[in-house]
Protein backbone atom coordinates (compact mmCIF):
# COMPACT_ATOMS: atom_id res chain seq x y z
CA MET A 1 -54.97 -53.94 54.76
CA LYS A 2 -54.15 -50.32 55.61
CA ILE A 3 -50.88 -51.27 57.34
CA LYS A 4 -49.67 -52.99 54.15
CA ASN A 5 -50.46 -49.86 52.13
CA ILE A 6 -48.66 -47.64 54.63
CA LEU A 7 -45.60 -49.94 54.61
CA PHE A 8 -45.64 -50.00 50.81
CA ILE A 9 -45.76 -46.18 50.64
CA LEU A 10 -42.95 -45.90 53.21
CA ALA A 11 -40.83 -48.35 51.19
CA ILE A 12 -41.34 -46.28 48.01
CA ILE A 13 -40.46 -43.05 49.82
CA SER A 14 -37.33 -44.66 51.29
CA LEU A 15 -36.22 -45.88 47.85
CA ALA A 16 -36.81 -42.42 46.38
CA ILE A 17 -34.74 -40.75 49.10
CA VAL A 18 -31.88 -43.25 48.74
CA SER A 19 -31.81 -43.04 44.93
CA CYS A 20 -31.79 -39.22 44.96
CA SER A 21 -28.97 -38.84 47.48
CA LYS A 22 -25.34 -38.82 46.39
CA SER A 23 -23.56 -42.05 47.22
CA GLU A 24 -20.75 -41.87 49.77
CA ASP A 25 -18.56 -43.90 47.40
CA THR A 26 -18.70 -41.38 44.54
CA LYS A 27 -17.55 -37.85 43.80
CA MET A 28 -18.81 -35.32 41.26
CA VAL A 29 -16.26 -35.04 38.44
CA ARG A 30 -16.45 -32.43 35.69
CA TYR A 31 -14.25 -32.43 32.60
CA MET A 32 -13.72 -28.90 31.27
CA VAL A 33 -12.06 -27.13 28.32
CA THR A 34 -12.04 -23.33 28.06
CA GLY A 35 -10.63 -20.76 25.65
CA LEU A 36 -10.93 -22.53 22.28
CA SER A 37 -13.09 -20.98 19.58
CA ASP A 38 -12.41 -23.39 16.68
CA PRO A 39 -13.80 -26.97 16.58
CA TYR A 40 -11.76 -29.52 18.55
CA GLN A 41 -11.90 -33.16 19.64
CA VAL A 42 -12.11 -34.51 23.18
CA VAL A 43 -11.74 -38.05 24.48
CA PHE A 44 -12.67 -38.77 28.10
CA PHE A 45 -13.69 -41.57 30.47
CA ASP A 46 -17.36 -41.61 31.49
CA SER A 47 -18.77 -42.84 34.81
CA ASP A 48 -18.57 -46.46 33.61
CA GLY A 49 -14.90 -46.11 32.60
CA MET A 50 -15.77 -46.17 28.90
CA SER A 51 -13.77 -44.00 26.52
CA ILE A 52 -16.01 -41.40 24.83
CA SER A 53 -14.95 -39.30 21.84
CA GLU A 54 -16.74 -36.08 20.84
CA THR A 55 -16.15 -33.28 18.37
CA ILE A 56 -16.90 -29.93 20.00
CA THR A 57 -17.94 -26.90 17.96
CA PRO A 58 -18.04 -23.86 20.24
CA GLY A 59 -20.80 -21.31 19.72
CA SER A 60 -20.15 -17.63 18.98
CA PHE A 61 -19.86 -16.64 22.63
CA ASP A 62 -19.47 -20.09 24.20
CA PHE A 63 -15.79 -20.84 24.81
CA GLU A 64 -16.35 -23.45 27.54
CA TRP A 65 -17.18 -27.15 27.25
CA ASN A 66 -17.82 -29.24 30.33
CA LYS A 67 -19.20 -32.68 31.04
CA PRO A 68 -20.21 -33.68 34.60
CA TYR A 69 -20.30 -37.24 35.93
CA GLU A 70 -20.62 -38.93 39.28
CA ILE A 71 -17.63 -41.29 39.44
CA LYS A 72 -16.56 -43.80 42.10
CA LYS A 73 -13.67 -42.88 44.36
CA GLY A 74 -10.36 -44.37 43.21
CA GLU A 75 -11.47 -44.68 39.56
CA PRO A 76 -9.28 -43.24 36.78
CA VAL A 77 -10.23 -39.98 35.07
CA TYR A 78 -8.85 -38.97 31.67
CA LEU A 79 -9.30 -36.05 29.30
CA PHE A 80 -7.51 -35.71 25.94
CA VAL A 81 -7.98 -32.65 23.71
CA LYS A 82 -6.80 -32.29 20.10
CA PHE A 83 -7.07 -28.90 18.39
CA LYS A 84 -5.63 -26.68 15.65
CA GLU A 85 -6.00 -23.28 17.29
CA LYS A 86 -2.79 -21.49 18.35
CA ILE A 87 -3.09 -20.83 22.11
CA ASP A 88 0.46 -19.77 23.03
CA ASN A 89 -0.52 -16.46 24.60
CA SER A 90 -4.11 -17.22 25.60
CA PRO A 91 -4.82 -16.71 29.31
CA LYS A 92 -8.30 -18.19 28.80
CA PHE A 93 -7.12 -21.63 27.60
CA SER A 94 -7.41 -24.39 30.19
CA VAL A 95 -8.01 -28.14 30.22
CA GLY A 96 -9.03 -29.55 33.56
CA ILE A 97 -10.64 -32.24 35.63
CA ILE A 98 -12.62 -30.81 38.51
CA VAL A 99 -13.56 -33.02 41.49
CA ASP A 100 -16.25 -31.76 43.86
CA GLU A 101 -15.90 -28.22 42.43
CA LYS A 102 -12.10 -28.04 42.93
CA TYR A 103 -9.50 -28.35 40.19
CA GLN A 104 -7.81 -31.71 40.73
CA TYR A 105 -5.84 -31.79 37.45
CA GLN A 106 -5.28 -28.83 35.13
CA ARG A 107 -3.15 -27.80 32.12
CA ARG A 108 -2.83 -24.32 30.64
CA GLY A 109 -0.64 -25.19 27.65
CA TYR A 110 -0.31 -27.99 25.16
CA ASP A 111 1.73 -31.19 25.63
CA LYS A 112 2.53 -31.95 22.04
CA ASN A 113 2.65 -30.13 18.73
CA ILE A 114 2.12 -32.54 15.83
CA GLY A 115 3.34 -30.80 12.72
CA ASP A 116 2.69 -27.09 12.56
CA THR A 117 -1.03 -27.02 13.16
CA ILE A 118 -2.20 -29.79 15.49
CA PHE A 119 -1.84 -29.56 19.28
CA GLU A 120 -2.62 -32.14 21.99
CA VAL A 121 -3.24 -31.95 25.72
CA LYS A 122 -3.72 -34.90 28.11
CA VAL A 123 -4.89 -34.66 31.69
CA ALA A 124 -5.29 -37.84 33.73
CA GLY A 125 -5.44 -39.03 37.28
CA VAL A 126 -7.54 -40.82 39.86
CA VAL A 127 -10.64 -39.68 41.74
CA PRO A 128 -9.41 -39.05 45.32
CA ILE A 129 -10.51 -41.51 47.97
CA ASP A 130 -10.60 -38.97 50.83
């Protein structure tokens, strides 16, 4: 009877250790936008590959938004930002996708100016397999 209990406890401990450790097939991905003080919209892929849309309203002293996910190697990553704030001379503005704490994809300016007041930035790629 005691051996069954010991084996059961060992099985639970093993499951806990395996579920807490980072899988070898995934990497930590963080989407990040810095330097905007007015509300803006982001669209990004989550860890399941689903497209998520959020409206971000920065706080008084909070000019950074970031969203971390653990994503499988080789999966697509995508971040789209739409904003009205003029950022032409802003050294703080950046849109990026960070993989394992290193910038993998980054933009410091806008891609498209729709009309006079709406700007768009897209950053996309694939989670490295290495």
